[in-house]
Amino acid sequence: QVQLVESGGGLVQPGGSLRLSCAASGSIFSINYMGWYRQAPGKQREFVARIASGGSTHYADSVKGRFTISRDNAKNTVYLQMNSLKPEDTAVYYCNALGMSNYWGQGTQVTVSS
């Protein structure tokens, strides 16, 4: 089993920045990928960014060039640095880990508004 705990969400003005964190615990050696998804009110959950165990990354087109996913293996933590935030980035952001099963965190709210 893998447990994921997100933090770092909040309210930010357009053009601002936030960094989300996701701390993993449990059977972390089984994780192949970790990433971030988001879900806005009334919309389906969508892929945001992903990082493989080997370090390769992939981003949704909507965030490419603005968001950066990274990891700190010593802390068993993955980060999402979000720059140049737009109102359309407003959503609940969920941490995801893929291993023997698909694991999800509880989500953290990101609101981009003036």
C-alpha atoms as a PDB file:
ATOM      1  CA  GLN A   1       0.000   0.000   0.000  1.00  0.00           C
ATOM      2  CA  VAL A   2       1.056   3.567  -0.765  1.00  0.00           C
ATOM      3  CA  GLN A   3      -0.200   6.668   0.998  1.00  0.00           C
ATOM      4  CA  LEU A   4       0.013  10.088  -0.641  1.00  0.00           C
ATOM      5  CA  VAL A   5      -0.404  13.420   1.144  1.00  0.00           C
ATOM      6  CA  GLU A   6      -0.578  16.665  -0.835  1.00  0.00           C
ATOM      7  CA  SER A   7       0.130  20.138   0.474  1.00  0.00           C
ATOM      8  CA  GLY A   8       0.835  23.629  -0.819  1.00  0.00           C
ATOM      9  CA  GLY A   9      -2.472  24.611  -2.354  1.00  0.00           C
ATOM     10  CA  GLY A  10      -4.067  27.975  -1.776  1.00  0.00           C
ATOM     11  CA  LEU A  11      -5.260  31.228  -3.293  1.00  0.00           C
ATOM     12  CA  VAL A  12      -2.997  33.075  -5.707  1.00  0.00           C
ATOM     13  CA  GLN A  13      -3.456  35.941  -8.162  1.00  0.00           C
ATOM     14  CA  PRO A  14      -3.114  35.426 -11.922  1.00  0.00           C
ATOM     15  CA  GLY A  15       0.542  35.393 -12.889  1.00  0.00           C
ATOM     16  CA  GLY A  16       1.584  34.143  -9.487  1.00  0.00           C
ATOM     17  CA  SER A  17       3.252  30.918  -8.440  1.00  0.00           C
ATOM     18  CA  LEU A  18       2.627  27.996  -6.129  1.00  0.00           C
ATOM     19  CA  ARG A  19       4.543  24.839  -5.347  1.00  0.00           C
ATOM     20  CA  LEU A  20       2.610  21.699  -4.516  1.00  0.00           C
ATOM     21  CA  SER A  21       4.166  18.830  -2.585  1.00  0.00           C
ATOM     22  CA  CYS A  22       3.203  15.182  -2.405  1.00  0.00           C
ATOM     23  CA  ALA A  23       4.791  13.019   0.276  1.00  0.00           C
ATOM     24  CA  ALA A  24       4.661   9.266  -0.317  1.00  0.00           C
ATOM     25  CA  SER A  25       4.843   6.564   2.319  1.00  0.00           C
ATOM     26  CA  GLY A  26       4.299   2.820   2.491  1.00  0.00           C
ATOM     27  CA  SER A  27       5.456   0.494  -0.282  1.00  0.00           C
ATOM     28  CA  ILE A  28       7.225   3.272  -2.151  1.00  0.00           C
ATOM     29  CA  PHE A  29       9.727   0.943  -3.812  1.00  0.00           C
ATOM     30  CA  SER A  30       6.931  -0.393  -6.009  1.00  0.00           C
ATOM     31  CA  ILE A  31       6.164   3.015  -7.561  1.00  0.00           C
ATOM     32  CA  ASN A  32       6.967   3.370 -11.259  1.00  0.00           C
ATOM     33  CA  TYR A  33       5.453   6.801 -11.905  1.00  0.00           C
ATOM     34  CA  MET A  34       4.236   9.721  -9.855  1.00  0.00           C
ATOM     35  CA  GLY A  35       2.264  12.628 -11.155  1.00  0.00           C
ATOM     36  CA  TRP A  36      -0.413  15.235 -10.793  1.00  0.00           C
ATOM     37  CA  TYR A  37      -3.985  15.411 -12.030  1.00  0.00           C
ATOM     38  CA  ARG A  38      -6.529  18.147 -11.533  1.00  0.00           C
ATOM     39  CA  GLN A  39     -10.294  18.478 -11.534  1.00  0.00           C
ATOM     40  CA  ALA A  40     -12.174  21.729 -11.911  1.00  0.00           C
ATOM     41  CA  PRO A  41     -15.807  22.092 -10.808  1.00  0.00           C
ATOM     42  CA  GLY A  42     -18.140  20.423 -13.286  1.00  0.00           C
ATOM     43  CA  LYS A  43     -15.294  18.948 -15.334  1.00  0.00           C
ATOM     44  CA  GLN A  44     -13.559  15.594 -15.530  1.00  0.00           C
ATOM     45  CA  ARG A  45     -10.211  14.916 -13.935  1.00  0.00           C
ATOM     46  CA  GLU A  46      -7.355  15.648 -16.329  1.00  0.00           C
ATOM     47  CA  PHE A  47      -3.687  14.802 -16.511  1.00  0.00           C
ATOM     48  CA  VAL A  48      -1.221  17.555 -15.606  1.00  0.00           C
ATOM     49  CA  ALA A  49       2.304  16.146 -15.245  1.00  0.00           C
ATOM     50  CA  ARG A  50       4.128  12.885 -14.675  1.00  0.00           C
ATOM     51  CA  ILE A  51       7.616  11.772 -13.642  1.00  0.00           C
ATOM     52  CA  ALA A  52       8.953   8.242 -14.034  1.00  0.00           C
ATOM     53  CA  SER A  53      11.209   6.434 -11.595  1.00  0.00           C
ATOM     54  CA  GLY A  54      14.088   7.030 -14.005  1.00  0.00           C
ATOM     55  CA  GLY A  55      13.435  10.767 -14.031  1.00  0.00           C
ATOM     56  CA  SER A  56      11.754  11.305 -17.390  1.00  0.00           C
ATOM     57  CA  THR A  57       8.864  13.772 -17.386  1.00  0.00           C
ATOM     58  CA  HIS A  58       5.734  14.436 -19.399  1.00  0.00           C
ATOM     59  CA  TYR A  59       3.352  17.383 -19.318  1.00  0.00           C
ATOM     60  CA  ALA A  60      -0.081  18.246 -20.562  1.00  0.00           C
ATOM     61  CA  ASP A  61       0.050  20.805 -23.365  1.00  0.00           C
ATOM     62  CA  SER A  62      -1.972  23.239 -21.285  1.00  0.00           C
ATOM     63  CA  VAL A  63       0.767  23.528 -18.643  1.00  0.00           C
ATOM     64  CA  LYS A  64       3.919  22.903 -20.670  1.00  0.00           C
ATOM     65  CA  GLY A  65       6.441  25.681 -20.143  1.00  0.00           C
ATOM     66  CA  ARG A  66       4.698  26.916 -16.997  1.00  0.00           C
ATOM     67  CA  PHE A  67       4.718  23.904 -14.663  1.00  0.00           C
ATOM     68  CA  THR A  68       7.672  21.765 -13.601  1.00  0.00           C
ATOM     69  CA  ILE A  69       7.466  18.390 -11.907  1.00  0.00           C
ATOM     70  CA  SER A  70      10.401  17.201  -9.821  1.00  0.00           C
ATOM     71  CA  ARG A  71      11.219  14.786  -7.035  1.00  0.00           C
ATOM     72  CA  ASP A  72      13.333  14.516  -3.915  1.00  0.00           C
ATOM     73  CA  ASN A  73      14.122  10.859  -3.367  1.00  0.00           C
ATOM     74  CA  ALA A  74      15.579  11.464   0.098  1.00  0.00           C
ATOM     75  CA  LYS A  75      12.233  12.886   1.224  1.00  0.00           C
ATOM     76  CA  ASN A  76      10.063  10.543  -0.871  1.00  0.00           C
ATOM     77  CA  THR A  77       8.368  13.642  -2.206  1.00  0.00           C
ATOM     78  CA  VAL A  78       7.289  14.868  -5.617  1.00  0.00           C
ATOM     79  CA  TYR A  79       6.729  18.553  -6.353  1.00  0.00           C
ATOM     80  CA  LEU A  80       4.787  20.577  -8.869  1.00  0.00           C
ATOM     81  CA  GLN A  81       6.146  24.081  -9.363  1.00  0.00           C
ATOM     82  CA  MET A  82       3.405  26.171 -10.969  1.00  0.00           C
ATOM     83  CA  ASN A  83       4.368  29.506 -12.504  1.00  0.00           C
ATOM     84  CA  SER A  84       2.418  32.063 -14.531  1.00  0.00           C
ATOM     85  CA  LEU A  85      -0.817  30.749 -13.097  1.00  0.00           C
ATOM     86  CA  LYS A  86      -4.071  31.429 -14.921  1.00  0.00           C
ATOM     87  CA  PRO A  87      -7.678  31.375 -13.684  1.00  0.00           C
ATOM     88  CA  GLU A  88      -8.244  28.229 -15.763  1.00  0.00           C
ATOM     89  CA  ASP A  89      -5.666  26.468 -13.570  1.00  0.00           C
ATOM     90  CA  THR A  90      -8.166  26.628 -10.705  1.00  0.00           C
ATOM     91  CA  ALA A  91      -8.914  23.067  -9.628  1.00  0.00           C
ATOM     92  CA  VAL A  92      -8.377  20.449  -6.991  1.00  0.00           C
ATOM     93  CA  TYR A  93      -4.957  18.957  -7.651  1.00  0.00           C
ATOM     94  CA  TYR A  94      -4.456  15.278  -6.907  1.00  0.00           C
ATOM     95  CA  CYS A  95      -1.193  13.413  -6.473  1.00  0.00           C
ATOM     96  CA  ASN A  96      -1.041  10.056  -8.240  1.00  0.00           C
ATOM     97  CA  ALA A  97       1.323   7.108  -7.969  1.00  0.00           C
ATOM     98  CA  LEU A  98       1.371   4.095 -10.262  1.00  0.00           C
ATOM     99  CA  GLY A  99       2.859   0.855  -9.012  1.00  0.00           C
ATOM    100  CA  MET A 100       1.161  -2.473  -8.548  1.00  0.00           C
ATOM    101  CA  SER A 101      -1.983  -0.396  -8.085  1.00  0.00           C
ATOM    102  CA  ASN A 102      -3.063   3.160  -8.829  1.00  0.00           C
ATOM    103  CA  TYR A 103      -2.891   5.381  -5.737  1.00  0.00           C
ATOM    104  CA  TRP A 104      -4.372   8.821  -5.115  1.00  0.00           C
ATOM    105  CA  GLY A 105      -3.960  11.537  -2.542  1.00  0.00           C
ATOM    106  CA  GLN A 106      -6.846  13.448  -1.004  1.00  0.00           C
ATOM    107  CA  GLY A 107      -6.330  16.528  -3.172  1.00  0.00           C
ATOM    108  CA  THR A 108      -5.365  20.125  -2.505  1.00  0.00           C
ATOM    109  CA  GLN A 109      -7.300  23.162  -3.713  1.00  0.00           C
ATOM    110  CA  VAL A 110      -5.627  25.675  -6.012  1.00  0.00           C
ATOM    111  CA  THR A 111      -7.557  28.858  -6.724  1.00  0.00           C
ATOM    112  CA  VAL A 112      -6.252  31.463  -9.166  1.00  0.00           C
ATOM    113  CA  SER A 113      -8.291  34.631  -8.916  1.00  0.00           C
ATOM    114  CA  SER A 114      -8.021  38.388  -8.637  1.00  0.00           C
END
